[in-house]
Amino acid sequence: MPAFARLIEPEFLVEHLDAPQLLIVDLSKAQVHAEAHIAQAIHVPASQLLRGLPPAHGLLPEASHLEELLSYLGLREDMHVVAYDDEGGGWAGRFLWTLELVGHKNYSYLNGGLVAWLAANLPVETALHSPDSTRYTLRIHDQHLAELDYILRRLGQEDLAIWDARSPEEFDGTRQFAQRGGHIPGAVNFEWTRAMDTSRHLRLRPLEELRTELASMGITPDKEIITHCQTHHRSGLTWLIGKLLDFPRLRAYAGSWGEWGNLRHTPITTSSN
C-alpha cells in the first residue's frame, strides 16, 4: 500500500487506483455519480450521514443505521478510504468526520473532488459498483463530537473557539433558517467557501495561508475548536481543514444551528445586540 497523505491530489490518486485495500467513496449527487465517477467509487447519498428529522436534521443517525451503512461499504480496519464530492468538500468532510467518530483513521480527502478530477481530464466511468459488504460493529469516539449540553457548559471559557461555517448573513441573523437567527455567543464566522480556490477547481487554498487567516480570528491549535453550520454539512469541510491543520482538540456540532436556533433557552448573539 503506498503512503496516502490526508490530502491527496487527483494526479496521485489516478496513479494508485489499483492499490490494495483502497475504498473510494463518492458523496456527489446521485445524478452526477451516474453520469461520471472515479473508477470503482462507491456512491453514498449524503442523506445517509444525517438523522434527517426536524428541526435538527444534521444530528447523527441512529447507531444501527451507521452500522448498516459501514457494513454495506465493507469497511475494515486495514482499508484506506478516499472520499470526494462534487461541491468542494462539505459532504466528503462530513463522511470523514463520521469515520473519525467510529475510530477509523486511515483516510484521505481528494483535493477538489470530482471538479478537479474532471478539470484534469482524468478517466471516469459510469458503471455502478456494489462493495463487498461485511459486518461492522460500531463504537463512537465522542471526543470528536460536541453536543448541545457540552457546548453550553463550555461557553465563555478562554480555551474554546467556536467556528461558524455559515454565511455572514446567517451569522449576524439577517438571514435565518431556524426560529431564531444569529450565532452562538463568542463564535467567529469563516464561511466554508472561503477555504476553496475557485481558480483551481475547488481545491483548498494553501493550508498555511488558511492557518494564518484562522489564527487572526482566534482559531488556534492551543484551543478546543468546535465547528458547525446549519446541519454540519458545510462545516464538514471546516472540520476537515482543522484536521489537516493538526488541531489537537477538534469537535463538530452535528446538531448545529438547526438545533441551537430552534430552542428557546440557548443564548444567541445577533448584529443588533
Foldseek 3Di string as FASTA:
>chain_A
DDDDDQEDELVVCLVCVVPPQEAEEEAEDPVVLLVWDAPNYAYDDLQLQFCCDPLQGQDGNDPVSVQVVCQQSQDDLPHAYEYAYQPQFLSSLSVVLVCVQQPRDRYHYHFLGPQLNVVVVHDIDNDHDTHDGHRDDGDTPCLQADEDVNCVVCPPDPQEEEEEQEDPCQQQFVDHDEPGGHHAPRYDYDHLQVQFDVVNNSGGDDLVVVQVVVVVVVPHLSHAYEYAYCQSRSCSNVQSSCVVVVSPRYYYHRSHCSNQRHDDPHDGHHNVD
